[in-house]
């Protein structure tokens, strides 16, 4: 399974929000801590709704927390 092309700054925003734990964030967006761990490490891409809920917790635009890098996918297809 390929790694996600979606990168995030969740750890940064948890730090900036009083060292919020992964569990605290999970509770606020109604998912498990394991889900937050997987998203934060890039092993899982959140649904659009969950991405918006996470950004809302940090009171920042979605693009501040998540970025998409399609050029990685394009490069991989050209190499085939």
PDB file of N, CA and C in Angstrom:
ATOM      1  N   UNK A   1       0.835  -1.181   0.000  1.00  0.00           N
ATOM      2  CA  UNK A   1       0.000   0.000   0.000  1.00  0.00           C
ATOM      3  C   UNK A   1       0.881   1.246   0.000  1.00  0.00           C
ATOM      4  N   UNK A   2       0.633   2.150  -0.920  1.00  0.00           N
ATOM      5  CA  UNK A   2       1.426   3.364  -1.032  1.00  0.00           C
ATOM      6  C   UNK A   2       1.062   4.365   0.063  1.00  0.00           C
ATOM      7  N   UNK A   3       2.054   5.158   0.448  1.00  0.00           N
ATOM      8  CA  UNK A   3       1.783   6.205   1.421  1.00  0.00           C
ATOM      9  C   UNK A   3       0.910   7.273   0.792  1.00  0.00           C
ATOM     10  N   UNK A   4       0.187   7.960   1.622  1.00  0.00           N
ATOM     11  CA  UNK A   4      -0.720   9.001   1.175  1.00  0.00           C
ATOM     12  C   UNK A   4       0.037  10.194   0.600  1.00  0.00           C
ATOM     13  N   UNK A   5      -0.598  10.857  -0.354  1.00  0.00           N
ATOM     14  CA  UNK A   5      -0.048  12.089  -0.909  1.00  0.00           C
ATOM     15  C   UNK A   5      -0.543  13.293  -0.113  1.00  0.00           C
ATOM     16  N   UNK A   6      -1.319  13.024   0.910  1.00  0.00           N
ATOM     17  CA  UNK A   6      -1.824  14.085   1.774  1.00  0.00           C
ATOM     18  C   UNK A   6      -0.898  14.194   2.967  1.00  0.00           C
ATOM     19  N   UNK A   7      -0.374  15.396   3.168  1.00  0.00           N
ATOM     20  CA  UNK A   7       0.479  15.640   4.327  1.00  0.00           C
ATOM     21  C   UNK A   7      -0.287  16.513   5.310  1.00  0.00           C
ATOM     22  N   UNK A   8       0.120  16.470   6.566  1.00  0.00           N
ATOM     23  CA  UNK A   8      -0.592  17.257   7.564  1.00  0.00           C
ATOM     24  C   UNK A   8       0.347  17.859   8.590  1.00  0.00           C
ATOM     25  N   UNK A   9      -0.179  18.840   9.295  1.00  0.00           N
ATOM     26  CA  UNK A   9       0.566  19.521  10.354  1.00  0.00           C
ATOM     27  C   UNK A   9      -0.171  19.369  11.685  1.00  0.00           C
ATOM     28  N   UNK A  10      -0.817  18.236  11.857  1.00  0.00           N
ATOM     29  CA  UNK A  10      -1.592  18.008  13.073  1.00  0.00           C
ATOM     30  C   UNK A  10      -0.712  18.114  14.314  1.00  0.00           C
ATOM     31  N   UNK A  11       0.441  17.489  14.285  1.00  0.00           N
ATOM     32  CA  UNK A  11       1.328  17.533  15.466  1.00  0.00           C
ATOM     33  C   UNK A  11       1.660  18.975  15.826  1.00  0.00           C
ATOM     34  N   UNK A  12       1.988  19.779  14.834  1.00  0.00           N
ATOM     35  CA  UNK A  12       2.304  21.203  15.068  1.00  0.00           C
ATOM     36  C   UNK A  12       1.133  21.899  15.751  1.00  0.00           C
ATOM     37  N   UNK A  13      -0.068  21.697  15.232  1.00  0.00           N
ATOM     38  CA  UNK A  13      -1.230  22.370  15.812  1.00  0.00           C
ATOM     39  C   UNK A  13      -1.608  21.808  17.170  1.00  0.00           C
ATOM     40  N   UNK A  14      -1.359  20.534  17.427  1.00  0.00           N
ATOM     41  CA  UNK A  14      -1.575  20.004  18.778  1.00  0.00           C
ATOM     42  C   UNK A  14      -0.632  20.690  19.751  1.00  0.00           C
ATOM     43  N   UNK A  15       0.620  20.878  19.325  1.00  0.00           N
ATOM     44  CA  UNK A  15       1.616  21.554  20.161  1.00  0.00           C
ATOM     45  C   UNK A  15       1.205  23.004  20.433  1.00  0.00           C
ATOM     46  N   UNK A  16       0.764  23.686  19.398  1.00  0.00           N
ATOM     47  CA  UNK A  16       0.367  25.093  19.530  1.00  0.00           C
ATOM     48  C   UNK A  16      -0.913  25.280  20.337  1.00  0.00           C
ATOM     49  N   UNK A  17      -1.647  24.215  20.529  1.00  0.00           N
ATOM     50  CA  UNK A  17      -2.888  24.272  21.295  1.00  0.00           C
ATOM     51  C   UNK A  17      -2.708  23.616  22.661  1.00  0.00           C
ATOM     52  N   UNK A  18      -1.704  24.064  23.370  1.00  0.00           N
ATOM     53  CA  UNK A  18      -1.490  23.613  24.744  1.00  0.00           C
ATOM     54  C   UNK A  18      -1.062  22.182  24.883  1.00  0.00           C
ATOM     55  N   UNK A  19      -0.250  21.716  23.927  1.00  0.00           N
ATOM     56  CA  UNK A  19       0.207  20.314  23.960  1.00  0.00           C
ATOM     57  C   UNK A  19      -0.976  19.357  24.018  1.00  0.00           C
ATOM     58  N   UNK A  20      -1.974  19.610  23.189  1.00  0.00           N
ATOM     59  CA  UNK A  20      -3.146  18.733  23.105  1.00  0.00           C
ATOM     60  C   UNK A  20      -2.676  17.316  22.784  1.00  0.00           C
ATOM     61  N   UNK A  21      -3.196  16.357  23.499  1.00  0.00           N
ATOM     62  CA  UNK A  21      -2.815  14.968  23.235  1.00  0.00           C
ATOM     63  C   UNK A  21      -3.600  14.430  22.039  1.00  0.00           C
ATOM     64  N   UNK A  22      -3.115  13.327  21.509  1.00  0.00           N
ATOM     65  CA  UNK A  22      -3.836  12.671  20.422  1.00  0.00           C
ATOM     66  C   UNK A  22      -5.218  12.229  20.901  1.00  0.00           C
ATOM     67  N   UNK A  23      -5.302  11.790  22.139  1.00  0.00           N
ATOM     68  CA  UNK A  23      -6.587  11.362  22.688  1.00  0.00           C
ATOM     69  C   UNK A  23      -7.553  12.532  22.811  1.00  0.00           C
ATOM     70  N   UNK A  24      -7.067  13.685  23.262  1.00  0.00           N
ATOM     71  CA  UNK A  24      -7.928  14.868  23.370  1.00  0.00           C
ATOM     72  C   UNK A  24      -8.473  15.274  21.998  1.00  0.00           C
ATOM     73  N   UNK A  25      -7.612  15.260  20.978  1.00  0.00           N
ATOM     74  CA  UNK A  25      -8.065  15.588  19.630  1.00  0.00           C
ATOM     75  C   UNK A  25      -9.079  14.547  19.150  1.00  0.00           C
ATOM     76  N   UNK A  26      -8.781  13.289  19.378  1.00  0.00           N
ATOM     77  CA  UNK A  26      -9.696  12.216  18.972  1.00  0.00           C
ATOM     78  C   UNK A  26     -11.071  12.398  19.612  1.00  0.00           C
ATOM     79  N   UNK A  27     -11.089  12.724  20.889  1.00  0.00           N
ATOM     80  CA  UNK A  27     -12.357  12.927  21.589  1.00  0.00           C
ATOM     81  C   UNK A  27     -13.133  14.102  20.992  1.00  0.00           C
ATOM     82  N   UNK A  28     -12.421  15.160  20.623  1.00  0.00           N
ATOM     83  CA  UNK A  28     -13.086  16.356  20.095  1.00  0.00           C
ATOM     84  C   UNK A  28     -13.646  16.152  18.698  1.00  0.00           C
ATOM     85  N   UNK A  29     -13.059  15.244  17.918  1.00  0.00           N
ATOM     86  CA  UNK A  29     -13.560  15.000  16.554  1.00  0.00           C
ATOM     87  C   UNK A  29     -14.291  13.657  16.439  1.00  0.00           C
ATOM     88  N   UNK A  30     -14.466  12.987  17.584  1.00  0.00           N
ATOM     89  CA  UNK A  30     -15.263  11.762  17.667  1.00  0.00           C
ATOM     90  C   UNK A  30     -14.702  10.592  16.854  1.00  0.00           C
ATOM     91  N   UNK A  31     -13.398  10.361  17.002  1.00  0.00           N
ATOM     92  CA  UNK A  31     -12.746   9.183  16.423  1.00  0.00           C
ATOM     93  C   UNK A  31     -11.862   8.575  17.497  1.00  0.00           C
ATOM     94  N   UNK A  32     -11.209   7.464  17.179  1.00  0.00           N
ATOM     95  CA  UNK A  32     -10.307   6.834  18.140  1.00  0.00           C
ATOM     96  C   UNK A  32      -8.920   7.480  18.074  1.00  0.00           C
ATOM     97  N   UNK A  33      -8.170   7.288  19.130  1.00  0.00           N
ATOM     98  CA  UNK A  33      -6.785   7.766  19.153  1.00  0.00           C
ATOM     99  C   UNK A  33      -5.984   7.108  18.039  1.00  0.00           C
ATOM    100  N   UNK A  34      -6.270   5.846  17.762  1.00  0.00           N
ATOM    101  CA  UNK A  34      -5.566   5.126  16.707  1.00  0.00           C
ATOM    102  C   UNK A  34      -5.793   5.787  15.345  1.00  0.00           C
ATOM    103  N   UNK A  35      -6.976   6.328  15.132  1.00  0.00           N
ATOM    104  CA  UNK A  35      -7.260   7.025  13.875  1.00  0.00           C
ATOM    105  C   UNK A  35      -6.401   8.279  13.767  1.00  0.00           C
ATOM    106  N   UNK A  36      -6.299   9.026  14.854  1.00  0.00           N
ATOM    107  CA  UNK A  36      -5.464  10.241  14.852  1.00  0.00           C
ATOM    108  C   UNK A  36      -4.008   9.870  14.606  1.00  0.00           C
ATOM    109  N   UNK A  37      -3.532   8.811  15.243  1.00  0.00           N
ATOM    110  CA  UNK A  37      -2.154   8.354  15.043  1.00  0.00           C
ATOM    111  C   UNK A  37      -1.919   8.025  13.570  1.00  0.00           C
ATOM    112  N   UNK A  38      -2.842   7.298  12.951  1.00  0.00           N
ATOM    113  CA  UNK A  38      -2.696   6.900  11.546  1.00  0.00           C
ATOM    114  C   UNK A  38      -2.718   8.111  10.617  1.00  0.00           C
ATOM    115  N   UNK A  39      -3.592   9.074  10.887  1.00  0.00           N
ATOM    116  CA  UNK A  39      -3.655  10.281  10.061  1.00  0.00           C
ATOM    117  C   UNK A  39      -2.381  11.089  10.222  1.00  0.00           C
ATOM    118  N   UNK A  40      -1.989  11.311  11.461  1.00  0.00           N
ATOM    119  CA  UNK A  40      -0.808  12.128  11.761  1.00  0.00           C
ATOM    120  C   UNK A  40       0.457  11.542  11.143  1.00  0.00           C
ATOM    121  N   UNK A  41       0.549  10.231  11.085  1.00  0.00           N
ATOM    122  CA  UNK A  41       1.742   9.580  10.525  1.00  0.00           C
ATOM    123  C   UNK A  41       1.658   9.386   9.016  1.00  0.00           C
ATOM    124  N   UNK A  42       0.544   9.780   8.406  1.00  0.00           N
ATOM    125  CA  UNK A  42       0.396   9.670   6.955  1.00  0.00           C
ATOM    126  C   UNK A  42       0.019   8.289   6.461  1.00  0.00           C
ATOM    127  N   UNK A  43      -0.396   7.410   7.367  1.00  0.00           N
ATOM    128  CA  UNK A  43      -0.780   6.060   6.971  1.00  0.00           C
ATOM    129  C   UNK A  43      -2.245   5.969   6.560  1.00  0.00           C
ATOM    130  N   UNK A  44      -2.999   7.004   6.864  1.00  0.00           N
ATOM    131  CA  UNK A  44      -4.428   7.015   6.578  1.00  0.00           C
ATOM    132  C   UNK A  44      -4.843   8.432   6.209  1.00  0.00           C
ATOM    133  N   UNK A  45      -5.636   8.564   5.158  1.00  0.00           N
ATOM    134  CA  UNK A  45      -6.164   9.866   4.755  1.00  0.00           C
ATOM    135  C   UNK A  45      -7.571  10.016   5.327  1.00  0.00           C
ATOM    136  N   UNK A  46      -7.820  11.109   6.030  1.00  0.00           N
ATOM    137  CA  UNK A  46      -9.147  11.279   6.625  1.00  0.00           C
ATOM    138  C   UNK A  46     -10.194  11.595   5.564  1.00  0.00           C
ATOM    139  N   UNK A  47     -11.435  11.349   5.904  1.00  0.00           N
ATOM    140  CA  UNK A  47     -12.526  11.783   5.033  1.00  0.00           C
ATOM    141  C   UNK A  47     -12.506  13.312   5.013  1.00  0.00           C
ATOM    142  N   UNK A  48     -13.159  13.882   4.033  1.00  0.00           N
ATOM    143  CA  UNK A  48     -13.228  15.337   3.948  1.00  0.00           C
ATOM    144  C   UNK A  48     -13.899  15.907   5.190  1.00  0.00           C
ATOM    145  N   UNK A  49     -14.942  15.253   5.641  1.00  0.00           N
ATOM    146  CA  UNK A  49     -15.642  15.724   6.846  1.00  0.00           C
ATOM    147  C   UNK A  49     -14.722  15.710   8.060  1.00  0.00           C
ATOM    148  N   UNK A  50     -13.992  14.637   8.251  1.00  0.00           N
ATOM    149  CA  UNK A  50     -13.087  14.549   9.393  1.00  0.00           C
ATOM    150  C   UNK A  50     -11.971  15.580   9.277  1.00  0.00           C
ATOM    151  N   UNK A  51     -11.454  15.793   8.089  1.00  0.00           N
ATOM    152  CA  UNK A  51     -10.414  16.808   7.893  1.00  0.00           C
ATOM    153  C   UNK A  51     -10.930  18.189   8.301  1.00  0.00           C
ATOM    154  N   UNK A  52     -12.161  18.503   7.911  1.00  0.00           N
ATOM    155  CA  UNK A  52     -12.754  19.784   8.302  1.00  0.00           C
ATOM    156  C   UNK A  52     -12.950  19.864   9.812  1.00  0.00           C
ATOM    157  N   UNK A  53     -13.376  18.763  10.427  1.00  0.00           N
ATOM    158  CA  UNK A  53     -13.560  18.775  11.884  1.00  0.00           C
ATOM    159  C   UNK A  53     -12.236  19.015  12.606  1.00  0.00           C
ATOM    160  N   UNK A  54     -11.162  18.402  12.117  1.00  0.00           N
ATOM    161  CA  UNK A  54      -9.848  18.606  12.729  1.00  0.00           C
ATOM    162  C   UNK A  54      -9.424  20.062  12.585  1.00  0.00           C
ATOM    163  N   UNK A  55      -9.555  20.614  11.393  1.00  0.00           N
ATOM    164  CA  UNK A  55      -9.185  22.019  11.170  1.00  0.00           C
ATOM    165  C   UNK A  55     -10.023  22.943  12.048  1.00  0.00           C
ATOM    166  N   UNK A  56     -11.288  22.617  12.228  1.00  0.00           N
ATOM    167  CA  UNK A  56     -12.173  23.434  13.055  1.00  0.00           C
ATOM    168  C   UNK A  56     -11.723  23.433  14.511  1.00  0.00           C
ATOM    169  N   UNK A  57     -11.268  22.301  15.007  1.00  0.00           N
ATOM    170  CA  UNK A  57     -10.758  22.231  16.384  1.00  0.00           C
ATOM    171  C   UNK A  57      -9.619  23.220  16.573  1.00  0.00           C
ATOM    172  N   UNK A  58      -8.756  23.325  15.566  1.00  0.00           N
ATOM    173  CA  UNK A  58      -7.611  24.221  15.657  1.00  0.00           C
ATOM    174  C   UNK A  58      -7.947  25.650  15.217  1.00  0.00           C
ATOM    175  N   UNK A  59      -9.172  25.861  14.742  1.00  0.00           N
ATOM    176  CA  UNK A  59      -9.645  27.184  14.291  1.00  0.00           C
ATOM    177  C   UNK A  59      -8.758  27.764  13.188  1.00  0.00           C
ATOM    178  N   UNK A  60      -8.398  26.903  12.242  1.00  0.00           N
ATOM    179  CA  UNK A  60      -7.599  27.332  11.091  1.00  0.00           C
ATOM    180  C   UNK A  60      -8.228  26.761   9.825  1.00  0.00           C
ATOM    181  N   UNK A  61      -7.913  27.344   8.661  1.00  0.00           N
ATOM    182  CA  UNK A  61      -8.438  26.796   7.412  1.00  0.00           C
ATOM    183  C   UNK A  61      -7.914  25.381   7.162  1.00  0.00           C
ATOM    184  N   UNK A  62      -8.687  24.613   6.449  1.00  0.00           N
ATOM    185  CA  UNK A  62      -8.321  23.235   6.119  1.00  0.00           C
ATOM    186  C   UNK A  62      -6.918  23.154   5.517  1.00  0.00           C
ATOM    187  N   UNK A  63      -6.594  24.103   4.633  1.00  0.00           N
ATOM    188  CA  UNK A  63      -5.300  24.091   3.946  1.00  0.00           C
ATOM    189  C   UNK A  63      -4.111  24.323   4.885  1.00  0.00           C
ATOM    190  N   UNK A  64      -4.387  24.830   6.089  1.00  0.00           N
ATOM    191  CA  UNK A  64      -3.316  25.012   7.073  1.00  0.00           C
ATOM    192  C   UNK A  64      -2.927  23.686   7.720  1.00  0.00           C
ATOM    193  N   UNK A  65      -3.875  22.758   7.752  1.00  0.00           N
ATOM    194  CA  UNK A  65      -3.638  21.468   8.408  1.00  0.00           C
ATOM    195  C   UNK A  65      -3.288  20.378   7.402  1.00  0.00           C
ATOM    196  N   UNK A  66      -3.947  20.396   6.245  1.00  0.00           N
ATOM    197  CA  UNK A  66      -3.752  19.346   5.246  1.00  0.00           C
ATOM    198  C   UNK A  66      -3.322  19.934   3.908  1.00  0.00           C
ATOM    199  N   UNK A  67      -2.365  19.266   3.263  1.00  0.00           N
ATOM    200  CA  UNK A  67      -1.953  19.645   1.917  1.00  0.00           C
ATOM    201  C   UNK A  67      -1.896  18.381   1.062  1.00  0.00           C
ATOM    202  N   UNK A  68      -2.238  18.553  -0.204  1.00  0.00           N
ATOM    203  CA  UNK A  68      -2.253  17.443  -1.150  1.00  0.00           C
ATOM    204  C   UNK A  68      -1.167  17.678  -2.181  1.00  0.00           C
ATOM    205  N   UNK A  69      -0.393  16.645  -2.488  1.00  0.00           N
ATOM    206  CA  UNK A  69       0.725  16.753  -3.417  1.00  0.00           C
ATOM    207  C   UNK A  69       0.537  15.789  -4.588  1.00  0.00           C
ATOM    208  N   UNK A  70      -0.260  16.195  -5.571  1.00  0.00           N
ATOM    209  CA  UNK A  70      -0.533  15.289  -6.698  1.00  0.00           C
ATOM    210  C   UNK A  70       0.678  15.033  -7.580  1.00  0.00           C
ATOM    211  N   UNK A  71       1.688  15.894  -7.538  1.00  0.00           N
ATOM    212  CA  UNK A  71       2.848  15.700  -8.414  1.00  0.00           C
ATOM    213  C   UNK A  71       3.547  14.370  -8.138  1.00  0.00           C
ATOM    214  N   UNK A  72       3.476  13.860  -6.932  1.00  0.00           N
ATOM    215  CA  UNK A  72       4.070  12.557  -6.628  1.00  0.00           C
ATOM    216  C   UNK A  72       3.363  11.470  -7.429  1.00  0.00           C
ATOM    217  N   UNK A  73       2.057  11.559  -7.495  1.00  0.00           N
ATOM    218  CA  UNK A  73       1.264  10.577  -8.238  1.00  0.00           C
ATOM    219  C   UNK A  73       1.559  10.687  -9.746  1.00  0.00           C
ATOM    220  N   UNK A  74       1.645  11.893 -10.261  1.00  0.00           N
ATOM    221  CA  UNK A  74       1.923  12.120 -11.673  1.00  0.00           C
ATOM    222  C   UNK A  74       3.296  11.567 -12.036  1.00  0.00           C
ATOM    223  N   UNK A  75       4.299  11.819 -11.214  1.00  0.00           N
ATOM    224  CA  UNK A  75       5.648  11.316 -11.471  1.00  0.00           C
ATOM    225  C   UNK A  75       5.655   9.800 -11.508  1.00  0.00           C
ATOM    226  N   UNK A  76       4.928   9.168 -10.590  1.00  0.00           N
ATOM    227  CA  UNK A  76       4.877   7.707 -10.544  1.00  0.00           C
ATOM    228  C   UNK A  76       4.234   7.147 -11.802  1.00  0.00           C
ATOM    229  N   UNK A  77       3.185   7.776 -12.312  1.00  0.00           N
ATOM    230  CA  UNK A  77       2.516   7.292 -13.525  1.00  0.00           C
ATOM    231  C   UNK A  77       3.390   7.455 -14.746  1.00  0.00           C
ATOM    232  N   UNK A  78       4.182   8.554 -14.832  1.00  0.00           N
ATOM    233  CA  UNK A  78       5.078   8.773 -15.957  1.00  0.00           C
ATOM    234  C   UNK A  78       6.193   7.735 -15.994  1.00  0.00           C
ATOM    235  N   UNK A  79       6.580   7.249 -14.838  1.00  0.00           N
ATOM    236  CA  UNK A  79       7.669   6.284 -14.754  1.00  0.00           C
ATOM    237  C   UNK A  79       7.238   4.893 -15.231  1.00  0.00           C
ATOM    238  N   UNK A  80       5.935   4.649 -15.282  1.00  0.00           N
ATOM    239  CA  UNK A  80       5.428   3.312 -15.651  1.00  0.00           C
ATOM    240  C   UNK A  80       5.592   3.008 -17.108  1.00  0.00           C
TER     241      UNK A  80
END
